[in-house]
Protein backbone atom coordinates (compact mmCIF):
# COMPACT_ATOMS: atom_id res chain seq x y z
CA MET A 1 0.00 0.00 0.00
CA ARG A 2 1.33 3.39 -0.89
CA SER A 3 2.50 5.47 2.00
CA SER A 4 -0.20 8.02 1.17
CA THR A 5 -2.98 5.51 1.74
CA ARG A 6 -1.43 3.90 4.77
CA ARG A 7 -2.57 6.98 6.63
CA LEU A 8 -6.09 7.22 7.85
CA LEU A 9 -7.82 9.69 5.56
CA THR A 10 -10.74 11.66 6.86
CA VAL A 11 -14.03 11.74 4.99
CA LEU A 12 -16.43 14.45 6.08
CA ALA A 13 -19.80 12.82 6.57
CA THR A 14 -21.67 16.01 5.74
CA THR A 15 -19.95 16.73 2.40
CA ALA A 16 -20.54 15.30 -1.04
CA ALA A 17 -16.92 14.51 -1.79
CA LEU A 18 -13.76 13.08 -0.34
CA ALA A 19 -11.78 16.02 0.94
CA PRO A 20 -8.12 16.15 -0.03
CA ALA A 21 -6.63 19.58 -0.50
CA PRO A 22 -7.76 20.59 -4.01
CA ALA A 23 -4.51 22.27 -4.98
CA ALA A 24 -2.22 19.35 -4.14
CA PRO A 25 -2.12 15.66 -5.04
CA ALA A 26 -4.11 13.39 -2.77
CA ALA A 27 -0.95 11.48 -2.00
CA ALA A 28 0.59 14.47 -0.33
CA ALA A 29 -2.49 16.03 1.22
CA PRO A 30 -2.85 15.79 4.98
CA SER A 31 -6.09 14.68 6.51
CA PRO A 32 -8.40 17.70 6.58
CA ALA A 33 -9.20 19.13 9.95
CA PRO A 34 -12.90 18.98 10.78
CA ALA A 35 -14.74 22.15 11.65
CA ALA A 36 -15.74 22.67 15.26
CA GLY A 37 -18.62 20.42 16.16
CA GLN A 38 -18.59 18.65 12.77
CA ASP A 39 -18.94 14.88 12.67
CA VAL A 40 -16.24 13.02 10.78
CA THR A 41 -15.74 9.46 9.64
CA VAL A 42 -12.25 8.00 9.56
CA LEU A 43 -11.95 5.22 6.98
CA PRO A 44 -9.35 2.48 7.44
CA PRO A 45 -6.93 1.72 4.59
CA LEU A 46 -7.45 -1.51 2.69
CA PRO A 47 -4.37 -3.78 2.84
CA VAL A 48 -2.70 -4.77 -0.42
CA ARG A 49 -1.65 -8.18 0.88
CA LEU A 50 -1.90 -10.11 4.10
CA GLY A 51 1.34 -11.18 5.69
CA ASP A 52 1.70 -14.60 7.27
CA GLY A 53 -0.24 -14.90 10.47
CA ARG A 54 -2.36 -11.79 9.93
CA PRO A 55 -6.10 -12.29 10.20
CA CYS A 56 -8.42 -11.72 7.28
CA THR A 57 -9.55 -8.16 6.66
CA ALA A 58 -12.58 -7.48 8.81
CA PRO A 59 -15.66 -5.54 7.72
CA SER A 60 -15.17 -1.82 8.22
CA GLY A 61 -17.10 -0.21 11.03
CA GLN A 62 -17.10 3.18 9.28
CA THR A 63 -19.40 4.32 6.50
CA ALA A 64 -18.74 7.22 4.14
CA ALA A 65 -21.98 9.14 4.15
CA GLY A 66 -20.93 11.56 1.41
CA GLY A 67 -20.04 10.85 -2.18
CA THR A 68 -16.52 10.53 -3.54
CA TRP A 69 -14.53 12.74 -5.90
CA ALA A 70 -14.51 10.03 -8.57
CA ALA A 71 -18.25 10.12 -9.30
CA PRO A 72 -18.36 13.71 -10.59
CA ALA A 73 -14.98 13.24 -12.28
CA LEU A 74 -16.55 10.44 -14.32
CA GLY A 75 -19.87 12.20 -14.88
CA LEU A 76 -21.74 9.22 -13.49
CA THR A 77 -24.99 11.06 -12.81
CA ARG A 78 -25.42 11.77 -16.53
CA ALA A 79 -23.96 8.48 -17.73
CA GLN A 80 -26.25 6.37 -15.56
CA ARG A 81 -29.30 8.07 -17.07
CA LEU A 82 -28.34 6.31 -20.30
CA ALA A 83 -27.16 2.93 -18.97
CA ARG A 84 -26.55 1.15 -15.67
CA GLY A 85 -25.03 -2.11 -16.86
CA ALA A 86 -28.30 -4.06 -16.81
CA GLY A 87 -27.99 -7.46 -18.43
CA VAL A 88 -24.18 -7.28 -18.50
CA THR A 89 -21.92 -9.69 -16.60
CA VAL A 90 -18.57 -8.44 -15.31
CA ALA A 91 -16.16 -11.10 -14.09
CA VAL A 92 -13.86 -10.11 -11.21
CA VAL A 93 -10.73 -12.27 -11.25
CA ASP A 94 -9.25 -11.28 -7.93
CA SER A 95 -9.22 -12.26 -4.26
CA GLY A 96 -12.89 -13.27 -4.22
CA ILE A 97 -15.99 -11.34 -3.16
CA ALA A 98 -17.63 -11.64 0.24
CA PRO A 99 -21.30 -12.62 -0.22
CA ASP A 100 -22.65 -9.81 1.96
CA THR A 101 -20.55 -6.99 0.50
CA ALA A 102 -22.53 -3.76 0.69
CA GLY A 103 -24.27 -2.72 -2.52
CA LEU A 104 -23.83 -6.07 -4.27
CA SER A 105 -26.56 -8.15 -2.65
CA GLY A 106 -28.16 -10.67 -5.00
CA ARG A 107 -25.88 -9.88 -7.95
CA VAL A 108 -22.75 -11.92 -7.19
CA THR A 109 -22.07 -15.51 -8.20
CA GLY A 110 -18.86 -17.46 -7.81
CA ALA A 111 -16.15 -17.11 -5.17
CA ALA A 112 -17.91 -16.55 -1.84
CA GLU A 113 -14.90 -15.70 0.34
CA ASP A 114 -12.52 -12.75 0.34
CA CYS A 115 -9.91 -12.85 3.07
CA LEU A 116 -7.94 -9.89 1.68
CA GLY A 117 -10.86 -7.66 0.68
CA HIS A 118 -9.47 -6.33 -2.62
CA GLY A 119 -11.91 -8.25 -4.81
CA SER A 120 -14.89 -6.99 -2.80
CA PHE A 121 -13.56 -3.42 -2.93
CA ALA A 122 -12.99 -3.53 -6.70
CA ALA A 123 -16.39 -5.11 -7.32
CA SER A 124 -18.04 -2.28 -5.39
CA LEU A 125 -16.31 0.30 -7.60
CA ILE A 126 -17.59 -1.57 -10.63
CA ALA A 127 -21.17 -2.26 -9.63
CA ALA A 128 -22.25 -1.28 -6.10
CA ALA A 129 -25.82 0.00 -5.98
CA PRO A 130 -26.50 3.34 -4.27
CA ARG A 131 -27.62 3.25 -0.63
CA ARG A 132 -29.62 5.64 1.49
CA ASP A 133 -26.92 5.81 4.15
CA SER A 134 -24.02 6.44 1.74
CA GLY A 135 -23.16 8.47 -1.33
CA MET A 136 -20.81 5.80 -2.64
CA ALA A 137 -21.96 3.81 -5.70
CA GLY A 138 -20.33 1.86 -8.51
CA VAL A 139 -20.01 2.84 -12.16
CA ALA A 140 -22.44 0.17 -13.41
CA PRO A 141 -24.86 -0.50 -10.51
CA GLY A 142 -27.09 -2.72 -12.63
CA ALA A 143 -24.40 -5.20 -13.71
CA GLU A 144 -24.11 -8.81 -12.56
CA ILE A 145 -20.80 -9.89 -10.99
CA LEU A 146 -19.05 -13.22 -11.53
CA ALA A 147 -16.32 -13.75 -8.92
CA LEU A 148 -13.38 -16.00 -9.81
CA PRO A 149 -10.10 -16.53 -7.91
CA GLY A 150 -6.96 -14.84 -9.20
CA THR A 151 -4.98 -14.93 -5.93
CA ASP A 152 -4.10 -17.37 -3.22
CA ALA A 153 -5.82 -17.18 0.16
CA ARG A 154 -3.51 -14.34 1.28
CA GLY A 155 -4.24 -12.14 -1.73
CA VAL A 156 -1.13 -12.89 -3.82
CA TYR A 157 -1.74 -13.01 -7.57
CA SER A 158 -0.26 -15.77 -9.69
CA ALA A 159 -0.13 -15.99 -13.48
CA ALA A 160 -1.65 -19.47 -13.44
CA LEU A 161 -4.64 -18.45 -11.31
CA VAL A 162 -5.29 -15.25 -13.24
CA ALA A 163 -5.04 -17.01 -16.61
CA ALA A 164 -7.38 -19.78 -15.45
CA GLY A 165 -9.83 -17.21 -14.08
CA ILE A 166 -9.89 -15.23 -17.34
CA ARG A 167 -10.50 -18.37 -19.39
CA GLN A 168 -13.23 -19.61 -17.08
CA ALA A 169 -14.93 -16.21 -17.05
CA ALA A 170 -15.00 -16.15 -20.85
CA ASP A 171 -16.36 -19.69 -21.01
CA ARG A 172 -19.12 -18.73 -18.57
CA GLY A 173 -20.29 -15.87 -20.75
CA ALA A 174 -18.78 -12.79 -19.09
CA ASP A 175 -19.03 -9.64 -21.20
CA VAL A 176 -16.23 -7.80 -19.39
CA ILE A 177 -13.40 -9.43 -17.42
CA TYR A 178 -11.61 -7.40 -14.75
CA THR A 179 -8.47 -8.36 -12.89
CA GLY A 180 -6.35 -6.31 -10.50
CA ALA A 181 -3.22 -8.28 -11.37
CA ALA A 182 -0.13 -6.53 -12.78
CA LEU A 183 2.44 -9.31 -13.12
CA THR A 184 5.95 -9.28 -14.56
CA THR A 185 5.77 -12.99 -15.32
CA GLY A 186 3.29 -15.23 -17.15
CA ARG A 187 3.45 -13.56 -20.54
CA THR A 188 2.66 -16.69 -22.55
CA GLU A 189 -0.21 -18.03 -20.49
CA LEU A 190 -1.79 -14.62 -19.85
CA THR A 191 -1.52 -13.59 -23.51
CA GLY A 192 -3.21 -16.85 -24.42
CA ALA A 193 -5.93 -16.30 -21.84
CA VAL A 194 -6.68 -12.78 -23.17
CA ALA A 195 -6.82 -14.12 -26.73
CA HIS A 196 -9.25 -16.81 -25.57
CA ALA A 197 -11.47 -14.24 -23.87
CA THR A 198 -11.42 -11.94 -26.90
CA GLY A 199 -12.43 -14.83 -29.10
CA LYS A 200 -15.40 -15.46 -26.80
CA GLY A 201 -16.49 -11.81 -27.01
CA ALA A 202 -15.20 -10.60 -23.63
CA LEU A 203 -13.10 -7.47 -23.05
CA VAL A 204 -10.26 -7.93 -20.53
CA VAL A 205 -9.46 -4.83 -18.43
CA ALA A 206 -6.30 -4.77 -16.29
CA PRO A 207 -3.96 -2.27 -14.58
CA ALA A 208 -0.93 -0.85 -16.38
CA ALA A 209 1.03 -0.75 -13.10
CA PRO A 210 0.98 -2.52 -9.74
CA ASP A 211 -0.70 -0.70 -6.87
CA ALA A 212 2.39 -0.86 -4.65
CA LEU A 213 4.73 -3.23 -2.88
CA PRO A 214 3.17 -4.94 0.13
CA GLU A 215 3.71 -4.12 3.75
CA GLN A 216 5.41 -6.80 5.76
CA ASP A 217 5.75 -6.84 9.53
CA GLY A 218 4.73 -3.20 9.68
CA ASP A 219 7.60 -2.02 7.47
CA ALA A 220 7.11 -0.70 3.94
CA ARG A 221 9.46 -1.89 1.25
CA ASP A 222 10.46 1.16 -0.74
CA THR A 223 12.11 -0.69 -3.61
CA GLN A 224 10.85 0.74 -6.90
CA PRO A 225 9.05 -1.90 -8.99
CA PRO A 226 10.20 -2.59 -12.56
CA ASP A 227 8.96 -0.50 -15.47
CA GLY A 228 7.01 -3.37 -17.02
CA PRO A 229 5.56 -4.72 -19.16
CA TYR A 230 2.84 -5.94 -16.84
CA TRP A 231 0.56 -8.83 -17.67
CA PRO A 232 -2.22 -9.31 -18.64
CA ALA A 233 -2.53 -5.56 -19.43
CA ALA A 234 0.27 -5.75 -22.01
CA ALA A 235 -1.38 -8.62 -23.91
CA PRO A 236 -2.91 -7.78 -27.31
CA GLY A 237 -6.62 -7.15 -26.92
CA ALA A 238 -6.50 -6.14 -23.24
CA LEU A 239 -7.44 -2.61 -22.13
CA SER A 240 -4.58 -1.24 -20.01
CA VAL A 241 -5.51 1.38 -17.40
CA VAL A 242 -3.53 3.72 -15.15
CA ASP A 243 -4.74 5.78 -12.20
CA PHE A 244 -4.96 9.48 -11.44
CA GLY A 245 -6.06 11.30 -8.30
CA PRO A 246 -8.33 14.19 -7.32
CA SER A 247 -5.72 16.73 -8.46
CA GLY A 248 -5.63 15.18 -11.93
CA THR A 249 -2.14 13.74 -11.48
CA ARG A 250 -0.62 10.55 -10.14
CA PRO A 251 0.94 10.72 -6.67
CA SER A 252 4.70 11.12 -6.50
CA GLY A 253 6.32 7.76 -5.98
CA ALA A 254 3.51 5.83 -7.68
CA PRO A 255 4.77 2.74 -9.51
CA PRO A 256 5.54 3.58 -13.14
CA ALA A 257 2.92 2.49 -15.66
CA HIS A 258 3.77 0.59 -18.82
CA ARG A 259 2.13 1.96 -21.98
CA PRO A 260 -1.36 2.58 -20.57
CA ASP A 261 -4.24 2.91 -23.01
CA LEU A 262 -6.53 4.84 -20.69
CA ALA A 263 -6.49 6.74 -17.38
CA ALA A 264 -9.25 6.65 -14.76
CA PRO A 265 -9.77 7.64 -11.12
CA GLY A 266 -7.77 5.34 -8.87
CA ASP A 267 -6.34 7.30 -5.95
CA ALA A 268 -8.07 8.01 -2.63
CA MET A 269 -10.92 5.75 -3.70
CA VAL A 270 -13.72 4.76 -1.31
CA GLY A 271 -15.24 1.31 -1.63
CA SER A 272 -16.94 -1.48 0.27
CA GLY A 273 -15.03 -3.80 2.54
CA PRO A 274 -15.33 -7.59 2.55
CA GLY A 275 -18.77 -7.85 4.10
CA GLY A 276 -20.79 -5.45 6.19
CA LYS A 277 -21.92 -1.92 5.38
CA GLY A 278 -18.67 -0.12 6.06
CA HIS A 279 -16.09 1.35 3.69
CA TYR A 280 -12.35 1.32 3.19
CA ILE A 281 -10.04 3.70 1.35
CA ALA A 282 -7.39 2.58 -1.15
CA SER A 283 -5.32 3.69 -4.13
CA GLY A 284 -3.79 2.17 -7.23
CA SER A 285 -4.10 1.42 -10.92
CA SER A 286 -6.08 -1.72 -10.13
CA LEU A 287 -8.89 0.53 -8.90
CA ALA A 288 -8.69 2.67 -12.03
CA ALA A 289 -9.09 -0.54 -14.03
CA ALA A 290 -12.21 -1.33 -11.99
CA CYS A 291 -13.73 2.04 -13.00
CA ALA A 292 -12.91 1.34 -16.64
CA ALA A 293 -14.46 -2.14 -16.39
CA GLY A 294 -17.65 -0.56 -15.05
CA ALA A 295 -17.67 1.91 -17.97
CA ALA A 296 -17.22 -0.98 -20.40
CA ALA A 297 -20.30 -2.61 -18.85
CA LEU A 298 -22.31 0.56 -19.51
CA VAL A 299 -21.22 0.54 -23.15
CA ARG A 300 -22.07 -3.14 -23.53
CA GLU A 301 -25.59 -2.55 -22.24
CA LEU A 302 -26.26 0.30 -24.65
CA HIS A 303 -24.40 -1.32 -27.58
CA PRO A 304 -24.69 -5.09 -27.08
CA GLY A 305 -23.51 -5.91 -30.60
CA LEU A 306 -20.04 -4.42 -30.21
CA SER A 307 -16.96 -6.64 -30.25
CA PRO A 308 -14.39 -6.34 -27.44
CA ALA A 309 -12.17 -4.22 -29.70
CA GLN A 310 -15.09 -1.95 -30.54
CA VAL A 311 -15.97 -1.47 -26.87
CA ALA A 312 -12.36 -0.55 -26.09
CA GLY A 313 -12.22 1.66 -29.18
CA ARG A 314 -15.33 3.56 -28.11
CA LEU A 315 -13.90 4.16 -24.63
CA LEU A 316 -10.61 5.38 -26.10
CA ARG A 317 -11.98 7.55 -28.89
CA THR A 318 -14.42 9.33 -26.61
CA ALA A 319 -11.92 9.82 -23.78
CA TYR A 320 -10.88 13.28 -22.66
CA PRO A 321 -7.67 14.26 -24.51
CA ALA A 322 -4.56 14.08 -22.32
CA ASP A 323 -1.12 12.47 -22.34
CA VAL A 324 -3.03 9.33 -21.44
CA PRO A 325 -6.68 9.73 -22.56
CA ARG A 326 -9.05 10.02 -19.58
CA LEU A 327 -12.12 7.90 -19.23
CA ASP A 328 -15.41 9.69 -20.01
CA PRO A 329 -18.34 7.25 -19.63
CA TYR A 330 -20.99 9.77 -20.65
CA ALA A 331 -19.19 10.58 -23.90
CA ALA A 332 -18.72 6.87 -24.59
CA LEU A 333 -22.46 6.37 -24.29
CA SER A 334 -23.75 9.54 -25.91
CA LEU A 335 -21.53 10.31 -28.90
CA ASP A 336 -22.82 9.19 -32.28
CA THR A 337 -20.45 6.74 -33.92
CA GLY A 338 -22.38 6.33 -37.17
CA THR A 339 -22.25 3.06 -39.07
CA ARG A 340 -18.86 2.10 -37.67
CA PRO A 341 -19.63 1.42 -33.98
CA ASP A 342 -15.97 1.50 -33.01
CA ARG A 343 -15.34 4.90 -34.53
CA VAL A 344 -16.56 8.25 -33.29
CA THR A 345 -18.02 10.31 -36.11
CA ALA A 346 -15.85 13.34 -36.77
CA ALA A 347 -17.09 16.52 -38.36
CA PRO A 348 -17.20 15.98 -42.16
CA PRO A 349 -14.38 17.68 -44.07
CA ALA A 350 -15.20 20.89 -45.85
CA ARG A 351 -16.16 20.25 -49.47
CA VAL A 352 -15.01 22.63 -52.17
CA PRO A 353 -17.58 22.60 -55.03
CA GLU A 354 -16.28 21.28 -58.31
CA PRO A 355 -15.70 23.97 -60.96
CA ALA A 356 -18.85 24.62 -62.96
CA ASP A 357 -18.91 24.06 -66.71
CA THR A 358 -17.80 27.40 -68.21
CA GLY A 359 -19.36 26.75 -71.63
CA PRO A 360 -22.89 28.07 -70.87
CA ARG A 361 -21.41 31.03 -69.01
CA ASN A 362 -19.23 32.02 -71.98
CA THR A 363 -22.14 31.65 -74.40
CA ALA A 364 -24.33 33.85 -72.21
CA LEU A 365 -21.61 36.51 -72.05
CA ALA A 366 -21.21 36.44 -75.84
CA VAL A 367 -24.96 36.78 -76.47
CA SER A 368 -25.14 39.62 -73.95
CA GLY A 369 -22.27 41.39 -75.69
CA VAL A 370 -23.91 41.07 -79.13
CA CYS A 371 -27.23 42.32 -77.77
CA LEU A 372 -25.52 45.30 -76.18
CA ALA A 373 -23.74 46.12 -79.41
CA VAL A 374 -27.02 45.93 -81.37
CA ILE A 375 -28.72 48.21 -78.88
CA VAL A 376 -25.89 50.73 -79.12
CA LEU A 377 -25.97 50.51 -82.92
CA PHE A 378 -29.70 51.10 -83.12
CA GLY A 379 -29.41 53.96 -80.65
CA ALA A 380 -26.77 55.61 -82.77
CA ALA A 381 -28.83 55.04 -85.93
CA ALA A 382 -31.86 56.66 -84.31
CA VAL A 383 -29.83 59.86 -83.95
CA VAL A 384 -27.71 59.82 -87.10
CA VAL A 385 -30.23 58.74 -89.74
CA PRO A 386 -32.79 61.55 -89.19
CA ARG A 387 -30.03 64.16 -89.22
CA GLY A 388 -28.56 62.64 -92.35
CA ARG A 389 -31.85 62.72 -94.17
CA SER A 390 -32.43 66.35 -93.21
CA ARG A 391 -29.05 67.19 -94.76
CA ARG A 392 -29.60 64.88 -97.75
CA TRP A 393 -26.55 62.95 -96.55
CA THR A 394 -24.10 65.84 -97.14
CA PRO A 395 -21.49 66.91 -94.67
CA PRO A 396 -22.02 70.17 -92.78
CA GLY A 397 -20.80 73.26 -94.75
CA VAL A 398 -21.04 71.50 -98.16
CA GLY A 399 -23.60 72.56 -100.85
């Protein structure tokens, strides 16, 4: 877990957003001081991995009453008027999902345990339904969730488990497949698993960087992770996603991303814990990938005939322009893509009319010239002829 999210961040229960200092990255912002007499809720940080002997992550006893910064950043209020993910299945290949995770009741099948809590947290970002006692909700609150294991019991990803989970999800009809894994090994098997999923019509969404190195025995390992590539995000056909925070930038010291396709909110994120009604706070590219997976579910509801490449293409072509294009679910749903569903319709190029045939124009000018000459001639004759007759056609002064 990044050092920024190892702190306890304060969420004001009476506000509509998480409250980092707006002028500085969330990673560096101190916990805001509550106003006198104002109630606050302190959310615990979600662990990245459980060390040996540590108990499973317990349900959080704290609930974030207000909304989070990510919802307005994604324009979810407008986007969810167009689609909510109904009829779409998103597979979560992760640490499992606790059956009583808040906001997911009745919409989860598959892995029924989550000792770490990451799978439950990510699933809530993807599809948690809104609640009366909280402003937190997922991107696609109408989607169905298929939970499949991608880690061991302590929350450690392995290429074999992730590959098997992706393949199984595709075989079971998932429309979108999310995993929080960012592995430096397993290229062959994970590339094959993504190809299998693509062939079955499922889009694989994965982080372009690891969240962080784990904490062990209370000490953080500060060794910088490698630059990538990370699998399965680097596999052809996968949508690779990196995080940004409330300030619009990544925190200093965040693990470097490898060739991300898309950026999405992923820092200082609030989500459900493994069971219960409470919330945790966490950061990382795996959470940005969860937001992108939810957006893909919205697109698949509104455009069920799109291929995985077309879904990814729509998300990318409608993204907000930046060094790494930023996810814009409302634009992905609302922009007209014409007859090519994977291409956003651009303004048609200006057409210069072809030169007109000059023949008729020249003829008209010639006729007009002749007519004018005739008129002038007759006008002159009307003056000259009478005078000539009166003089019997002799010059003045003669005879």
